[in-house]
C-alpha cells in the first residue's frame, strides 16, 4: 500500500540520494533540500530511509 514519506528539513543536507534513487517520490526543492512529492511503495520508502546519510526521512 502506498505511503507518504516525510523529510525533516532541519536534518536534510540535500545530498540528493533519495531523489536519484526514487525520483518518482522525492525531488530537491528550491531550498536545495529533499521534498516528498508523491506516495511510494513500502520497499521504496524503506530504501530511502536506509540510504539517507543523516536519517532525515521517515514514514
N, C-alpha and C. Protein backbone atom coordinates (compact mmCIF):
# COMPACT_ATOMS: atom_id res chain seq x y z
N UNK A 1 0.85 -1.19 0.00
CA UNK A 1 0.00 0.00 0.00
C UNK A 1 0.89 1.25 0.00
N UNK A 2 0.66 2.16 -0.90
CA UNK A 2 1.49 3.37 -0.96
C UNK A 2 1.40 4.20 0.31
N UNK A 3 2.53 4.77 0.67
CA UNK A 3 2.62 5.64 1.85
C UNK A 3 3.30 6.94 1.46
N UNK A 4 3.10 7.94 2.27
CA UNK A 4 3.77 9.23 2.08
C UNK A 4 4.97 9.29 3.02
N UNK A 5 6.12 9.60 2.49
CA UNK A 5 7.32 9.78 3.30
C UNK A 5 7.34 11.20 3.85
N UNK A 6 8.12 11.38 4.90
CA UNK A 6 8.32 12.70 5.48
C UNK A 6 9.80 13.00 5.46
N UNK A 7 10.14 14.26 5.19
CA UNK A 7 11.53 14.70 5.21
C UNK A 7 11.67 15.79 6.25
N UNK A 8 12.59 15.60 7.19
CA UNK A 8 12.88 16.61 8.22
C UNK A 8 13.86 17.62 7.62
N UNK A 9 13.36 18.81 7.31
CA UNK A 9 14.19 19.83 6.66
C UNK A 9 15.32 20.31 7.55
N UNK A 10 15.18 20.17 8.87
CA UNK A 10 16.26 20.57 9.76
C UNK A 10 17.44 19.61 9.66
N UNK A 11 17.17 18.35 9.32
CA UNK A 11 18.23 17.35 9.21
C UNK A 11 18.76 17.19 7.79
N UNK A 12 17.91 17.41 6.79
CA UNK A 12 18.28 17.18 5.39
C UNK A 12 19.45 18.06 4.98
N UNK A 13 20.44 17.43 4.31
CA UNK A 13 21.60 18.17 3.81
C UNK A 13 21.55 18.33 2.29
N UNK A 14 20.49 17.82 1.67
CA UNK A 14 20.31 17.97 0.23
C UNK A 14 21.28 17.16 -0.60
N UNK A 15 21.70 16.00 -0.11
CA UNK A 15 22.66 15.19 -0.86
C UNK A 15 22.07 14.62 -2.14
N UNK A 16 20.75 14.45 -2.18
CA UNK A 16 20.08 14.01 -3.40
C UNK A 16 19.99 12.51 -3.62
N UNK A 17 20.46 11.70 -2.67
CA UNK A 17 20.39 10.25 -2.85
C UNK A 17 18.96 9.77 -3.00
N UNK A 18 18.05 10.31 -2.21
CA UNK A 18 16.65 9.87 -2.28
C UNK A 18 16.04 10.21 -3.64
N UNK A 19 16.30 11.40 -4.13
CA UNK A 19 15.75 11.83 -5.42
C UNK A 19 16.38 11.06 -6.57
N UNK A 20 17.66 10.73 -6.45
CA UNK A 20 18.33 9.98 -7.50
C UNK A 20 17.80 8.55 -7.58
N UNK A 21 17.57 7.93 -6.43
CA UNK A 21 17.11 6.55 -6.41
C UNK A 21 15.61 6.42 -6.60
N UNK A 22 14.87 7.41 -6.13
CA UNK A 22 13.40 7.34 -6.15
C UNK A 22 12.82 8.68 -6.58
N UNK A 23 13.16 9.07 -7.79
CA UNK A 23 12.71 10.36 -8.33
C UNK A 23 11.21 10.49 -8.49
N UNK A 24 10.50 9.36 -8.45
CA UNK A 24 9.05 9.41 -8.52
C UNK A 24 8.44 9.80 -7.17
N UNK A 25 9.24 9.72 -6.09
CA UNK A 25 8.75 10.03 -4.74
C UNK A 25 9.35 11.34 -4.22
N UNK A 26 10.64 11.57 -4.51
CA UNK A 26 11.35 12.72 -3.94
C UNK A 26 11.86 13.65 -5.03
N UNK A 27 11.90 14.92 -4.70
CA UNK A 27 12.53 15.94 -5.53
C UNK A 27 13.38 16.81 -4.62
N UNK A 28 14.30 17.53 -5.23
CA UNK A 28 15.07 18.52 -4.48
C UNK A 28 14.37 19.86 -4.69
N UNK A 29 13.98 20.47 -3.58
CA UNK A 29 13.24 21.73 -3.64
C UNK A 29 14.12 22.93 -3.92
N UNK A 30 13.50 24.08 -4.02
CA UNK A 30 14.21 25.33 -4.31
C UNK A 30 15.24 25.67 -3.24
N UNK A 31 15.02 25.16 -2.02
CA UNK A 31 15.96 25.42 -0.93
C UNK A 31 17.13 24.44 -0.92
N UNK A 32 17.15 23.51 -1.90
CA UNK A 32 18.24 22.55 -2.01
C UNK A 32 18.05 21.32 -1.14
N UNK A 33 16.89 21.19 -0.53
CA UNK A 33 16.62 20.05 0.34
C UNK A 33 15.53 19.18 -0.26
N UNK A 34 15.52 17.91 0.16
CA UNK A 34 14.57 16.95 -0.39
C UNK A 34 13.14 17.26 0.05
N UNK A 35 12.21 16.92 -0.84
CA UNK A 35 10.78 17.05 -0.59
C UNK A 35 10.11 15.78 -1.08
N UNK A 36 9.24 15.21 -0.25
CA UNK A 36 8.45 14.05 -0.69
C UNK A 36 7.26 14.59 -1.45
N UNK A 37 7.20 14.31 -2.75
CA UNK A 37 6.16 14.88 -3.60
C UNK A 37 5.06 13.89 -3.95
N UNK A 38 5.34 12.60 -3.79
CA UNK A 38 4.35 11.57 -4.09
C UNK A 38 4.43 10.45 -3.07
N UNK A 39 3.37 9.66 -3.01
CA UNK A 39 3.41 8.46 -2.19
C UNK A 39 4.30 7.44 -2.87
N UNK A 40 4.77 6.46 -2.10
CA UNK A 40 5.60 5.41 -2.65
C UNK A 40 5.31 4.08 -1.99
N UNK A 41 5.80 3.04 -2.62
CA UNK A 41 5.65 1.69 -2.06
C UNK A 41 6.51 1.55 -0.82
N UNK A 42 6.09 0.66 0.09
CA UNK A 42 6.81 0.44 1.34
C UNK A 42 8.30 0.19 1.11
N UNK A 43 8.64 -0.67 0.16
CA UNK A 43 10.04 -1.03 -0.08
C UNK A 43 10.85 0.18 -0.55
N UNK A 44 10.26 1.04 -1.36
CA UNK A 44 10.97 2.22 -1.84
C UNK A 44 11.18 3.24 -0.72
N UNK A 45 10.17 3.42 0.12
CA UNK A 45 10.30 4.32 1.27
C UNK A 45 11.36 3.78 2.22
N UNK A 46 11.33 2.48 2.49
CA UNK A 46 12.31 1.85 3.38
C UNK A 46 13.72 2.01 2.83
N UNK A 47 13.89 1.88 1.51
CA UNK A 47 15.20 2.05 0.89
C UNK A 47 15.70 3.48 1.06
N UNK A 48 14.82 4.44 0.86
CA UNK A 48 15.19 5.85 1.01
C UNK A 48 15.57 6.16 2.46
N UNK A 49 14.81 5.61 3.40
CA UNK A 49 15.12 5.81 4.81
C UNK A 49 16.50 5.25 5.13
N UNK A 50 16.77 4.05 4.64
CA UNK A 50 18.04 3.39 4.91
C UNK A 50 19.22 4.10 4.25
N UNK A 51 19.00 4.67 3.05
CA UNK A 51 20.10 5.31 2.34
C UNK A 51 20.39 6.74 2.77
N UNK A 52 19.49 7.38 3.48
CA UNK A 52 19.70 8.77 3.88
C UNK A 52 20.85 8.85 4.90
N UNK A 53 21.91 9.58 4.56
CA UNK A 53 23.08 9.61 5.45
C UNK A 53 22.85 10.36 6.77
N UNK A 54 21.80 11.18 6.83
CA UNK A 54 21.55 11.94 8.05
C UNK A 54 20.21 11.56 8.70
N UNK A 55 19.61 10.50 8.23
CA UNK A 55 18.35 9.98 8.77
C UNK A 55 17.24 11.04 8.80
N UNK A 56 17.13 11.78 7.71
CA UNK A 56 16.13 12.84 7.61
C UNK A 56 14.79 12.35 7.08
N UNK A 57 14.72 11.10 6.61
CA UNK A 57 13.49 10.57 6.02
C UNK A 57 12.81 9.60 6.98
N UNK A 58 11.51 9.72 7.09
CA UNK A 58 10.73 8.81 7.91
C UNK A 58 9.39 8.54 7.21
N UNK A 59 8.62 7.61 7.79
CA UNK A 59 7.30 7.30 7.22
C UNK A 59 6.27 8.22 7.83
